[in-house]
């Protein structure tokens, strides 16, 4: 049987994760998986023909133990005689300011910092320690939320400069590897917090599936994600081939023209992806399934009552036999472009929109019989419920 190091080395070559002579750093949190990744890449760098530059640690300042985690990472780098880059960011403050979850804020700040470190130090790859278990958790989370082949492809072995050499390795293998070397690591108590969706999947859903359905469910889900990734890559290539004859972009990227006859002649899988590509390339926003279906409904034919529609970050309207997608541009009172935003408003309910400096609330009421259209006064708007779409 091949050694643990040999199997990872083979995976690095198989997925072409690191260019010959490439400069690599490890994103080290101090946890078991990233410590194992640090030790292993340090061991195999010469055999794999890459340069192990050192460690990158971002202190999220979320836990009392965060400073101790940082010290642990510095000490490990010193023991291995490699460079260490440490950054600090108040993730909680970012989440509060941007009105996003702590998980979203941490992910965004982390990867933005990776880019900064890579640019400053001339790093070609930054390795993260995502494992087969992380892959299976991601697959289940996206399945529950709803996703197509692209989403169900899960975590990719490489995304830009970020590589994941452990994506086919189990957490148990990494613990055994560390135990053999008597290497300590840090424990993150937030991984036990069941208010976090991933933790509920990890500690409740997967054990339930293992006990009641399949003891090898982690391997099954990781394998299914790999199949979905292959399908998604094939579809992406097909979309690239046909989209040039369907979507024409303006030189400034502010708009796109969609040939609806050509779009309608494609299989629904390709039509959806061409539509999504056009909308997202113009709006620079991520759109969901319901947005794509609404676009295709609009494209079903001119002459219908629906001749134009707003989407996150853009507006779509008929022009002859084509649909024109234009980037939405708002202006603040100072004349500057407003930041783009999108919030779901439930009925009844309220949503705060810090970008616009306001809160919007909605409740059901009685509309006067003679009033058939939207009316408003003093900051209140009355709308006939039967004239609304399913979304606000």
Protein backbone atom coordinates (compact mmCIF):
# COMPACT_ATOMS: atom_id res chain seq x y z
CA UNK A 1 0.00 0.00 0.00
CA UNK A 2 1.29 3.45 -0.91
CA UNK A 3 2.26 5.68 1.99
CA UNK A 4 0.11 8.62 2.97
CA UNK A 5 2.69 11.02 1.56
CA UNK A 6 2.89 9.13 -1.75
CA UNK A 7 -0.88 9.21 -2.21
CA UNK A 8 -1.08 12.96 -1.62
CA UNK A 9 1.89 13.52 -3.93
CA UNK A 10 0.11 11.53 -6.64
CA UNK A 11 -3.04 13.61 -6.18
CA UNK A 12 -1.05 16.84 -6.51
CA UNK A 13 0.33 15.66 -9.86
CA UNK A 14 -2.99 14.16 -11.00
CA UNK A 15 -4.93 17.39 -10.43
CA UNK A 16 -1.97 19.55 -11.55
CA UNK A 17 -2.28 21.61 -8.39
CA UNK A 18 1.22 23.10 -8.27
CA UNK A 19 3.37 24.24 -11.22
CA UNK A 20 6.95 23.03 -11.39
CA UNK A 21 9.05 25.17 -9.07
CA UNK A 22 5.95 26.97 -7.79
CA UNK A 23 6.09 28.95 -4.56
CA UNK A 24 3.55 27.59 -2.06
CA UNK A 25 2.25 28.73 1.33
CA UNK A 26 -0.15 26.91 3.64
CA UNK A 27 -3.19 28.61 5.16
CA UNK A 28 -2.70 27.53 8.77
CA UNK A 29 -5.44 27.97 11.36
CA UNK A 30 -3.71 25.81 13.97
CA UNK A 31 -6.34 23.08 13.71
CA UNK A 32 -5.46 19.44 13.08
CA UNK A 33 -6.13 19.43 9.33
CA UNK A 34 -4.07 22.51 8.51
CA UNK A 35 -1.23 21.43 10.82
CA UNK A 36 -1.10 18.08 9.00
CA UNK A 37 -1.07 19.90 5.66
CA UNK A 38 1.80 22.13 6.82
CA UNK A 39 3.93 19.20 7.93
CA UNK A 40 3.22 17.12 4.83
CA UNK A 41 3.91 19.82 2.24
CA UNK A 42 7.07 20.71 4.13
CA UNK A 43 8.15 17.05 3.88
CA UNK A 44 7.37 16.46 0.20
CA UNK A 45 8.32 19.84 -1.29
CA UNK A 46 11.58 18.59 -2.80
CA UNK A 47 10.08 15.38 -4.20
CA UNK A 48 7.14 17.30 -5.65
CA UNK A 49 9.44 19.99 -7.12
CA UNK A 50 7.89 23.05 -5.48
CA UNK A 51 9.12 25.61 -2.97
CA UNK A 52 7.51 25.55 0.45
CA UNK A 53 7.70 29.22 1.40
CA UNK A 54 5.90 29.11 4.72
CA UNK A 55 2.69 29.69 6.65
CA UNK A 56 -0.12 32.24 6.35
CA UNK A 57 -2.33 32.75 9.41
CA UNK A 58 -5.24 35.20 9.61
CA UNK A 59 -6.42 36.03 13.13
CA UNK A 60 -10.21 36.51 12.93
CA UNK A 61 -10.37 37.96 16.48
CA UNK A 62 -13.56 35.99 17.16
CA UNK A 63 -12.47 33.77 20.06
CA UNK A 64 -10.64 34.33 23.32
CA UNK A 65 -8.15 31.70 22.15
CA UNK A 66 -7.43 33.50 18.87
CA UNK A 67 -4.18 35.05 20.10
CA UNK A 68 -3.03 31.68 21.43
CA UNK A 69 -3.78 30.15 18.01
CA UNK A 70 -1.63 32.85 16.43
CA UNK A 71 1.26 32.12 18.81
CA UNK A 72 0.98 28.39 18.02
CA UNK A 73 1.27 29.11 14.29
CA UNK A 74 4.28 31.37 14.77
CA UNK A 75 6.00 28.73 16.89
CA UNK A 76 5.35 25.98 14.34
CA UNK A 77 6.80 28.14 11.56
CA UNK A 78 9.87 28.83 13.71
CA UNK A 79 10.35 25.12 14.42
CA UNK A 80 10.13 24.32 10.69
CA UNK A 81 12.42 27.27 9.84
CA UNK A 82 9.93 28.73 7.34
CA UNK A 83 8.42 32.16 6.87
CA UNK A 84 5.19 33.13 8.60
CA UNK A 85 2.72 35.80 7.53
CA UNK A 86 0.13 36.88 10.09
CA UNK A 87 -2.82 39.16 9.48
CA UNK A 88 -5.61 40.40 11.73
CA UNK A 89 -9.19 41.30 10.93
CA UNK A 90 -12.23 41.94 13.10
CA UNK A 91 -14.58 39.53 11.34
CA UNK A 92 -17.47 40.30 13.69
CA UNK A 93 -17.22 44.00 12.82
CA UNK A 94 -17.17 43.18 9.10
CA UNK A 95 -20.24 40.94 9.48
CA UNK A 96 -22.12 43.65 11.38
CA UNK A 97 -21.14 46.37 8.93
CA UNK A 98 -22.01 44.36 5.82
CA UNK A 99 -25.03 42.65 7.40
CA UNK A 100 -23.79 39.20 6.47
CA UNK A 101 -23.09 36.08 8.52
CA UNK A 102 -19.84 35.63 10.41
CA UNK A 103 -19.09 32.62 8.19
CA UNK A 104 -19.54 34.71 5.02
CA UNK A 105 -17.46 37.57 6.40
CA UNK A 106 -14.67 35.24 7.52
CA UNK A 107 -14.53 33.49 4.16
CA UNK A 108 -14.47 36.74 2.22
CA UNK A 109 -11.81 38.40 4.38
CA UNK A 110 -9.68 35.27 4.43
CA UNK A 111 -9.54 34.84 0.67
CA UNK A 112 -9.02 38.57 0.06
CA UNK A 113 -6.06 38.42 2.45
CA UNK A 114 -4.69 35.37 0.63
CA UNK A 115 -4.63 37.43 -2.57
CA UNK A 116 -2.76 40.25 -0.82
CA UNK A 117 -0.14 37.90 0.62
CA UNK A 118 0.33 36.09 -2.69
CA UNK A 119 0.79 39.34 -4.62
CA UNK A 120 3.24 40.77 -2.11
CA UNK A 121 5.41 37.65 -1.77
CA UNK A 122 5.15 36.25 -5.28
CA UNK A 123 3.25 33.13 -4.20
CA UNK A 124 1.75 30.93 -6.94
CA UNK A 125 -0.38 28.71 -4.69
CA UNK A 126 -1.92 28.86 -1.22
CA UNK A 127 -2.94 25.45 0.12
CA UNK A 128 -5.96 24.94 2.35
CA UNK A 129 -6.72 21.75 4.28
CA UNK A 130 -10.22 20.88 3.05
CA UNK A 131 -10.77 17.14 3.36
CA UNK A 132 -13.13 14.49 1.97
CA UNK A 133 -15.37 15.13 4.98
CA UNK A 134 -15.53 18.86 4.15
CA UNK A 135 -16.52 17.88 0.61
CA UNK A 136 -19.36 15.65 1.80
CA UNK A 137 -20.62 18.34 4.18
CA UNK A 138 -20.60 20.94 1.42
CA UNK A 139 -22.48 18.60 -0.92
CA UNK A 140 -25.24 18.02 1.65
CA UNK A 141 -25.53 21.72 2.51
CA UNK A 142 -25.95 22.68 -1.14
CA UNK A 143 -28.36 19.80 -1.77
CA UNK A 144 -30.54 21.00 1.11
CA UNK A 145 -30.40 24.60 -0.10
CA UNK A 146 -30.99 23.59 -3.72
CA UNK A 147 -28.30 23.48 -6.41
CA UNK A 148 -27.56 22.21 -9.90
CA UNK A 149 -24.49 20.30 -11.11
CA UNK A 150 -22.20 23.30 -10.61
CA UNK A 151 -23.20 23.71 -6.97
CA UNK A 152 -23.27 19.98 -6.27
CA UNK A 153 -19.72 19.75 -7.63
CA UNK A 154 -18.82 21.04 -4.19
CA UNK A 155 -15.29 22.14 -3.33
CA UNK A 156 -12.94 22.12 -6.30
CA UNK A 157 -9.33 20.90 -6.04
CA UNK A 158 -8.20 24.29 -7.27
CA UNK A 159 -9.83 27.73 -7.36
CA UNK A 160 -7.47 30.34 -8.73
CA UNK A 161 -4.38 30.38 -6.53
CA UNK A 162 -6.02 28.29 -3.79
CA UNK A 163 -5.37 24.53 -3.88
CA UNK A 164 -6.78 21.71 -1.73
CA UNK A 165 -4.39 18.72 -1.71
CA UNK A 166 -6.36 16.89 1.02
CA UNK A 167 -9.70 16.86 -0.79
CA UNK A 168 -9.55 13.07 -1.20
CA UNK A 169 -8.19 12.42 2.30
CA UNK A 170 -10.23 11.61 5.41
CA UNK A 171 -9.95 13.42 8.73
CA UNK A 172 -9.12 10.13 10.42
CA UNK A 173 -6.03 9.72 8.22
CA UNK A 174 -4.84 13.18 9.19
CA UNK A 175 -5.30 12.49 12.91
CA UNK A 176 -3.29 9.27 12.56
CA UNK A 177 -0.57 11.15 10.66
CA UNK A 178 -0.29 13.73 13.46
CA UNK A 179 -0.37 11.06 16.18
CA UNK A 180 2.52 9.23 14.56
CA UNK A 181 4.56 12.42 14.77
CA UNK A 182 3.28 13.34 18.22
CA UNK A 183 2.32 16.71 16.79
CA UNK A 184 -0.09 18.85 18.78
CA UNK A 185 -2.73 21.14 17.29
CA UNK A 186 -5.33 23.65 18.39
CA UNK A 187 -9.00 22.89 19.02
CA UNK A 188 -11.62 25.39 17.85
CA UNK A 189 -14.58 25.17 20.22
CA UNK A 190 -16.82 26.94 17.70
CA UNK A 191 -16.77 23.74 15.64
CA UNK A 192 -19.16 22.33 18.26
CA UNK A 193 -21.65 25.19 17.91
CA UNK A 194 -24.79 23.58 16.50
CA UNK A 195 -26.27 26.94 15.54
CA UNK A 196 -23.91 26.82 12.57
CA UNK A 197 -25.37 24.83 9.69
CA UNK A 198 -22.14 23.06 8.77
CA UNK A 199 -21.71 21.88 12.36
CA UNK A 200 -25.23 20.45 12.43
CA UNK A 201 -24.49 18.61 9.19
CA UNK A 202 -21.17 17.36 10.61
CA UNK A 203 -22.33 16.30 14.06
CA UNK A 204 -25.95 15.34 13.46
CA UNK A 205 -26.87 14.67 9.84
CA UNK A 206 -23.82 12.71 8.66
CA UNK A 207 -23.71 10.47 11.77
CA UNK A 208 -27.44 9.80 11.26
CA UNK A 209 -26.87 8.85 7.62
CA UNK A 210 -23.91 6.66 8.57
CA UNK A 211 -25.91 4.85 11.25
CA UNK A 212 -29.22 4.47 9.40
CA UNK A 213 -28.31 4.31 5.71
CA UNK A 214 -24.66 3.85 4.76
CA UNK A 215 -21.50 3.63 6.92
CA UNK A 216 -19.53 4.92 3.91
CA UNK A 217 -21.79 7.89 3.21
CA UNK A 218 -18.86 10.34 3.34
CA UNK A 219 -17.11 8.48 0.52
CA UNK A 220 -20.37 8.17 -1.44
CA UNK A 221 -21.08 11.92 -1.23
CA UNK A 222 -17.51 12.88 -2.14
CA UNK A 223 -17.65 10.55 -5.13
CA UNK A 224 -21.01 12.00 -6.20
CA UNK A 225 -19.56 15.51 -5.98
CA UNK A 226 -16.70 14.43 -8.26
CA UNK A 227 -19.22 13.08 -10.79
CA UNK A 228 -21.20 16.34 -10.64
CA UNK A 229 -17.99 18.31 -11.15
CA UNK A 230 -17.20 16.38 -14.32
CA UNK A 231 -20.72 16.97 -15.63
CA UNK A 232 -20.58 20.67 -14.75
CA UNK A 233 -17.23 21.11 -16.52
CA UNK A 234 -18.61 19.45 -19.66
CA UNK A 235 -21.70 21.68 -19.62
CA UNK A 236 -19.54 24.78 -19.05
CA UNK A 237 -17.52 23.92 -22.14
CA UNK A 238 -20.74 23.43 -24.16
CA UNK A 239 -22.00 26.81 -22.94
CA UNK A 240 -18.76 28.49 -24.03
CA UNK A 241 -19.20 27.03 -27.51
CA UNK A 242 -22.80 28.19 -28.02
CA UNK A 243 -22.94 31.43 -26.03
CA UNK A 244 -20.88 33.39 -28.55
CA UNK A 245 -23.75 33.04 -31.01
CA UNK A 246 -26.39 33.96 -28.43
CA UNK A 247 -24.97 36.75 -26.26
CA UNK A 248 -23.12 39.86 -27.48
CA UNK A 249 -21.49 42.09 -24.88
CA UNK A 250 -20.91 45.82 -25.17
CA UNK A 251 -17.21 46.82 -25.19
CA UNK A 252 -17.57 48.45 -21.76
CA UNK A 253 -19.27 45.38 -20.27
CA UNK A 254 -22.20 47.49 -19.08
CA UNK A 255 -24.76 45.67 -21.21
CA UNK A 256 -25.41 42.55 -23.26
CA UNK A 257 -27.73 41.69 -26.14
CA UNK A 258 -29.37 38.26 -26.09
CA UNK A 259 -30.72 36.63 -29.26
CA UNK A 260 -33.88 35.03 -27.86
CA UNK A 261 -34.51 32.85 -30.93
CA UNK A 262 -31.04 31.34 -30.65
CA UNK A 263 -31.46 31.02 -26.89
CA UNK A 264 -34.81 29.25 -27.27
CA UNK A 265 -33.36 26.73 -29.72
CA UNK A 266 -30.96 25.37 -27.08
CA UNK A 267 -31.67 22.52 -24.65
CA UNK A 268 -32.99 23.92 -21.38
CA UNK A 269 -29.75 23.10 -19.52
CA UNK A 270 -27.71 25.24 -21.93
CA UNK A 271 -30.36 27.96 -22.15
CA UNK A 272 -30.37 28.38 -18.38
CA UNK A 273 -26.62 28.67 -18.21
CA UNK A 274 -26.39 31.11 -21.12
CA UNK A 275 -29.03 33.27 -19.44
CA UNK A 276 -27.24 33.11 -16.11
CA UNK A 277 -23.92 33.97 -17.73
CA UNK A 278 -25.38 37.04 -19.44
CA UNK A 279 -27.06 38.31 -16.29
CA UNK A 280 -24.11 37.71 -13.99
CA UNK A 281 -21.47 39.06 -16.37
CA UNK A 282 -23.36 42.35 -16.63
CA UNK A 283 -24.61 42.67 -13.04
CA UNK A 284 -21.54 41.23 -11.29
CA UNK A 285 -24.02 39.59 -8.93
CA UNK A 286 -24.78 35.93 -8.18
CA UNK A 287 -28.27 34.98 -9.33
CA UNK A 288 -30.43 32.07 -8.27
CA UNK A 289 -32.65 29.59 -10.07
CA UNK A 290 -35.77 31.74 -9.69
CA UNK A 291 -34.04 34.68 -11.42
CA UNK A 292 -33.01 32.52 -14.36
CA UNK A 293 -36.52 31.10 -14.74
CA UNK A 294 -37.97 34.62 -14.69
CA UNK A 295 -35.53 35.69 -17.40
CA UNK A 296 -36.51 32.71 -19.58
CA UNK A 297 -40.17 33.53 -19.04
CA UNK A 298 -39.47 37.07 -20.22
CA UNK A 299 -37.63 35.64 -23.22
CA UNK A 300 -40.55 33.35 -24.09
CA UNK A 301 -41.77 35.90 -26.62
CA UNK A 302 -42.38 39.60 -27.30
CA UNK A 303 -45.89 40.90 -27.20
CA UNK A 304 -46.68 39.45 -23.79
CA UNK A 305 -47.63 41.72 -20.90
CA UNK A 306 -44.15 41.31 -19.41
CA UNK A 307 -41.82 43.44 -21.56
CA UNK A 308 -39.18 44.42 -18.99
CA UNK A 309 -38.01 43.32 -15.57
CA UNK A 310 -35.51 44.18 -12.88
CA UNK A 311 -32.99 41.65 -11.63
CA UNK A 312 -30.31 41.97 -8.94
CA UNK A 313 -27.84 44.51 -10.31
CA UNK A 314 -29.39 44.83 -13.78
CA UNK A 315 -32.48 45.54 -15.85
CA UNK A 316 -33.75 43.50 -18.83
CA UNK A 317 -36.04 44.79 -21.58
CA UNK A 318 -37.12 43.93 -25.09
CA UNK A 319 -35.50 45.68 -28.04
CA UNK A 320 -36.76 44.37 -31.37
CA UNK A 321 -36.18 40.63 -31.41
CA UNK A 322 -33.54 40.75 -28.69
CA UNK A 323 -33.38 41.18 -24.94
CA UNK A 324 -31.06 43.88 -23.65
CA UNK A 325 -29.43 43.39 -20.25
CA UNK A 326 -28.19 46.65 -18.73
CA UNK A 327 -26.28 47.11 -15.50
CA UNK A 328 -28.32 49.00 -12.92
CA UNK A 329 -26.58 52.14 -11.69
CA UNK A 330 -27.92 54.01 -8.69
CA UNK A 331 -26.70 57.38 -7.52
CA UNK A 332 -26.28 58.60 -3.99
CA UNK A 333 -27.08 62.16 -3.01
CA UNK A 334 -23.44 63.04 -3.52
CA UNK A 335 -23.64 61.74 -7.08
CA UNK A 336 -21.60 58.62 -6.42
CA UNK A 337 -22.64 55.16 -7.51
CA UNK A 338 -24.68 53.35 -4.86
CA UNK A 339 -23.40 49.97 -3.67
CA UNK A 340 -25.39 47.03 -5.04
CA UNK A 341 -27.55 45.13 -2.60
CA UNK A 342 -30.36 42.61 -2.47
CA UNK A 343 -32.56 41.63 0.49
CA UNK A 344 -35.54 39.33 0.87
CA UNK A 345 -38.65 41.02 2.30
CA UNK A 346 -41.21 38.72 3.87
CA UNK A 347 -44.91 39.53 4.24
CA UNK A 348 -45.42 40.61 6.98
CA UNK A 349 -41.91 41.65 7.90
CA UNK A 350 -39.18 44.29 7.86
CA UNK A 351 -35.73 44.55 6.34
CA UNK A 352 -33.05 47.15 7.02
CA UNK A 353 -31.16 48.49 4.01
CA UNK A 354 -28.05 50.26 5.32
CA UNK A 355 -26.86 51.01 1.79
CA UNK A 356 -29.91 53.25 1.32
CA UNK A 357 -30.09 54.42 4.94
CA UNK A 358 -33.59 53.09 5.49
CA UNK A 359 -35.76 50.26 6.73
CA UNK A 360 -38.63 48.83 4.67
CA UNK A 361 -41.54 47.11 6.35
CA UNK A 362 -44.64 45.51 4.88
CA UNK A 363 -47.95 44.32 6.30
CA UNK A 364 -51.29 43.26 4.93
CA UNK A 365 -54.17 45.72 4.96
CA UNK A 366 -57.38 46.67 3.21
CA UNK A 367 -57.22 48.49 -0.12
CA UNK A 368 -60.00 50.90 -1.01
CA UNK A 369 -62.25 49.50 -3.69
CA UNK A 370 -61.67 52.37 -6.10
CA UNK A 371 -57.88 52.17 -5.82
CA UNK A 372 -56.50 49.73 -8.40
CA UNK A 373 -52.92 50.96 -8.66
CA UNK A 374 -50.01 51.69 -6.36
CA UNK A 375 -50.48 54.82 -4.27
CA UNK A 376 -48.26 56.45 -1.68
CA UNK A 377 -47.85 59.31 0.77
CA UNK A 378 -45.65 60.22 3.73
CA UNK A 379 -43.32 57.28 3.32
CA UNK A 380 -46.12 54.74 2.96
CA UNK A 381 -46.98 52.89 -0.23
CA UNK A 382 -50.17 50.89 -0.74
CA UNK A 383 -50.09 48.12 -3.35
CA UNK A 384 -52.77 45.70 -4.50
CA UNK A 385 -51.55 42.25 -3.42
CA UNK A 386 -52.87 40.58 -6.58
CA UNK A 387 -50.60 42.83 -8.67
CA UNK A 388 -47.42 41.61 -6.96
CA UNK A 389 -45.13 38.86 -8.15
CA UNK A 390 -44.10 36.08 -5.79
CA UNK A 391 -40.97 37.96 -4.70
CA UNK A 392 -40.24 41.25 -2.98
